[in-house]
């Protein structure tokens, strides 16, 4: 399960899901402060979400922490990022619960830029009821202004840019039979 979802997320990134999102991401650049990439993959009862964005969005700086306050800010951000149940809301009827998460300190390469990556896996007891995902990253991390979001689900693919005013992505649905 984990490997197939990871492979699906890699495919999302490689495809850039839609030209409009690819253009948005290119214009934003991978490392535009305030912007981040969010990938959502759904396969059966499993949902995987990956996030990649500048450390500045989450902790307010991009260098190695040099004070106790900066060390505490990084630790708090990583703890918040690991709580996927609080960051990603889904319809109650879908019964989605986080089963794993990962968020690591950024790699500081001396360029003056550092990214934070995080990932989550969810198990949904009723995937037919999984109609949307509402992203709480904007409320938890005010430095995040937009999320270039790619979705791959059994019913199709889509790309959308989420913002503080539009934090919910509607998931692709199969057309009703005629």
Protein backbone atom coordinates (compact mmCIF):
# COMPACT_ATOMS: atom_id res chain seq x y z
CA UNK A 1 0.00 0.00 0.00
CA UNK A 2 2.57 2.61 1.08
CA UNK A 3 4.84 1.95 -1.89
CA UNK A 4 2.04 2.12 -4.46
CA UNK A 5 0.76 5.42 -3.02
CA UNK A 6 4.28 6.88 -3.00
CA UNK A 7 4.70 5.79 -6.63
CA UNK A 8 1.38 7.45 -7.44
CA UNK A 9 2.55 10.68 -5.82
CA UNK A 10 5.77 10.54 -7.82
CA UNK A 11 3.65 10.15 -10.94
CA UNK A 12 1.59 13.20 -9.96
CA UNK A 13 4.69 15.30 -9.66
CA UNK A 14 6.12 14.04 -12.94
CA UNK A 15 2.90 14.71 -14.84
CA UNK A 16 2.22 18.11 -13.24
CA UNK A 17 -1.45 16.97 -13.52
CA UNK A 18 -2.46 19.91 -15.72
CA UNK A 19 -0.70 22.55 -17.81
CA UNK A 20 -2.30 25.38 -15.81
CA UNK A 21 -0.83 24.06 -12.57
CA UNK A 22 2.52 23.46 -14.24
CA UNK A 23 2.55 27.10 -15.38
CA UNK A 24 1.52 28.28 -11.91
CA UNK A 25 4.22 26.21 -10.28
CA UNK A 26 6.88 27.39 -12.77
CA UNK A 27 5.93 31.01 -12.30
CA UNK A 28 5.93 30.57 -8.55
CA UNK A 29 9.11 28.54 -8.65
CA UNK A 30 9.64 25.66 -6.31
CA UNK A 31 10.97 28.07 -3.74
CA UNK A 32 8.66 31.06 -3.69
CA UNK A 33 8.03 32.25 -0.16
CA UNK A 34 4.34 31.90 0.64
CA UNK A 35 3.84 29.14 -1.96
CA UNK A 36 4.10 25.37 -1.59
CA UNK A 37 3.23 22.21 -3.51
CA UNK A 38 0.63 19.79 -2.18
CA UNK A 39 0.00 16.40 -3.80
CA UNK A 40 -2.99 14.20 -2.92
CA UNK A 41 -3.33 10.60 -4.14
CA UNK A 42 -6.31 8.36 -3.45
CA UNK A 43 -6.28 4.63 -4.09
CA UNK A 44 -9.13 2.54 -2.66
CA UNK A 45 -9.32 3.22 1.07
CA UNK A 46 -5.90 4.90 1.12
CA UNK A 47 -5.11 8.59 0.80
CA UNK A 48 -1.55 9.94 0.72
CA UNK A 49 -0.66 13.63 0.93
CA UNK A 50 2.76 15.21 0.34
CA UNK A 51 3.82 18.81 1.02
CA UNK A 52 6.94 20.68 -0.09
CA UNK A 53 7.54 24.36 0.59
CA UNK A 54 10.04 26.93 1.81
CA UNK A 55 10.91 26.67 5.49
CA UNK A 56 10.10 30.39 5.75
CA UNK A 57 6.41 29.53 5.24
CA UNK A 58 6.40 27.34 8.35
CA UNK A 59 9.00 28.80 10.73
CA UNK A 60 9.70 32.31 9.44
CA UNK A 61 13.36 31.73 8.53
CA UNK A 62 15.48 29.43 6.36
CA UNK A 63 18.79 29.13 8.19
CA UNK A 64 19.80 26.69 10.89
CA UNK A 65 18.18 27.75 14.14
CA UNK A 66 20.62 29.97 16.01
CA UNK A 67 18.62 30.86 19.13
CA UNK A 68 16.52 28.87 21.58
CA UNK A 69 13.43 30.66 20.18
CA UNK A 70 14.23 29.56 16.64
CA UNK A 71 14.91 25.99 17.81
CA UNK A 72 11.52 26.02 19.58
CA UNK A 73 9.78 27.46 16.48
CA UNK A 74 11.19 24.65 14.30
CA UNK A 75 10.20 21.97 16.82
CA UNK A 76 6.66 23.41 17.12
CA UNK A 77 6.24 23.59 13.33
CA UNK A 78 7.38 19.99 12.87
CA UNK A 79 5.04 18.80 15.62
CA UNK A 80 2.14 20.67 13.98
CA UNK A 81 3.03 19.20 10.59
CA UNK A 82 2.97 15.67 11.99
CA UNK A 83 -0.67 16.09 13.11
CA UNK A 84 -2.35 15.28 9.81
CA UNK A 85 -5.78 14.78 11.39
CA UNK A 86 -5.75 18.47 12.37
CA UNK A 87 -4.28 19.69 9.06
CA UNK A 88 -6.57 17.86 6.62
CA UNK A 89 -10.31 17.73 7.21
CA UNK A 90 -12.53 15.34 5.26
CA UNK A 91 -16.25 14.55 5.36
CA UNK A 92 -17.08 12.71 8.58
CA UNK A 93 -18.88 10.02 6.59
CA UNK A 94 -15.60 9.13 4.82
CA UNK A 95 -14.13 7.94 8.14
CA UNK A 96 -10.57 9.04 7.30
CA UNK A 97 -7.93 8.62 10.01
CA UNK A 98 -4.23 9.32 9.78
CA UNK A 99 -2.12 6.18 10.01
CA UNK A 100 1.33 7.73 9.53
CA UNK A 101 3.10 11.04 9.10
CA UNK A 102 6.60 12.34 8.56
CA UNK A 103 8.08 15.83 8.81
CA UNK A 104 11.80 16.41 9.11
CA UNK A 105 13.95 19.48 9.69
CA UNK A 106 15.05 21.10 6.45
CA UNK A 107 18.43 20.34 4.89
CA UNK A 108 20.53 23.49 5.10
CA UNK A 109 22.83 23.58 2.08
CA UNK A 110 24.36 27.01 2.44
CA UNK A 111 22.30 28.52 -0.42
CA UNK A 112 20.23 30.58 1.98
CA UNK A 113 17.15 28.58 1.06
CA UNK A 114 15.70 25.53 2.77
CA UNK A 115 12.51 23.56 2.19
CA UNK A 116 10.38 21.56 4.56
CA UNK A 117 8.81 18.36 3.28
CA UNK A 118 6.07 16.45 5.04
CA UNK A 119 3.88 13.48 4.20
CA UNK A 120 0.81 11.81 5.62
CA UNK A 121 -1.10 8.59 5.01
CA UNK A 122 -4.75 8.15 5.81
CA UNK A 123 -7.08 5.17 5.81
CA UNK A 124 -10.70 5.97 4.91
CA UNK A 125 -13.42 3.50 5.89
CA UNK A 126 -15.88 4.85 3.28
CA UNK A 127 -13.92 6.24 0.31
CA UNK A 128 -17.14 6.79 -1.68
CA UNK A 129 -17.93 9.55 0.85
CA UNK A 130 -14.53 11.22 0.40
CA UNK A 131 -15.80 14.19 -1.63
CA UNK A 132 -13.30 16.86 -0.53
CA UNK A 133 -10.23 17.64 1.54
CA UNK A 134 -10.06 20.91 3.45
CA UNK A 135 -6.52 22.08 4.12
CA UNK A 136 -5.84 23.80 7.45
CA UNK A 137 -2.23 24.74 6.65
CA UNK A 138 -3.21 28.38 6.08
CA UNK A 139 -4.62 28.69 9.60
CA UNK A 140 -1.69 26.87 11.22
CA UNK A 141 1.05 28.54 9.13
CA UNK A 142 0.14 32.14 8.20
CA UNK A 143 3.29 32.38 6.06
CA UNK A 144 1.67 29.95 3.61
CA UNK A 145 -0.37 31.93 1.06
CA UNK A 146 -1.03 29.43 -1.74
CA UNK A 147 -0.77 25.71 -2.40
CA UNK A 148 -0.34 24.42 -5.95
CA UNK A 149 -2.36 21.23 -5.46
CA UNK A 150 -2.42 18.11 -7.65
CA UNK A 151 -4.94 15.33 -7.10
CA UNK A 152 -4.97 11.84 -8.54
CA UNK A 153 -7.99 9.70 -7.66
CA UNK A 154 -9.69 6.70 -9.25
CA UNK A 155 -12.18 9.05 -10.95
CA UNK A 156 -9.52 11.29 -12.48
CA UNK A 157 -6.96 13.99 -11.96
CA UNK A 158 -7.20 17.66 -11.21
CA UNK A 159 -5.05 20.61 -10.34
CA UNK A 160 -6.05 23.66 -8.34
CA UNK A 161 -4.39 26.46 -6.41
CA UNK A 162 -5.69 26.61 -2.84
CA UNK A 163 -5.57 29.83 -0.82
CA UNK A 164 -6.68 31.04 2.59
CA UNK A 165 -10.05 31.98 1.02
CA UNK A 166 -10.42 28.66 -0.84
CA UNK A 167 -8.82 25.95 1.32
CA UNK A 168 -11.02 23.08 0.11
CA UNK A 169 -10.31 20.89 -2.90
CA UNK A 170 -13.24 18.98 -4.36
CA UNK A 171 -12.08 15.53 -5.37
CA UNK A 172 -12.74 14.10 -8.85
CA UNK A 173 -15.98 12.11 -8.95
CA UNK A 174 -17.13 9.55 -11.48
CA UNK A 175 -19.97 10.74 -13.66
CA UNK A 176 -23.31 9.16 -12.75
CA UNK A 177 -24.47 6.44 -15.15
CA UNK A 178 -26.86 7.59 -17.88
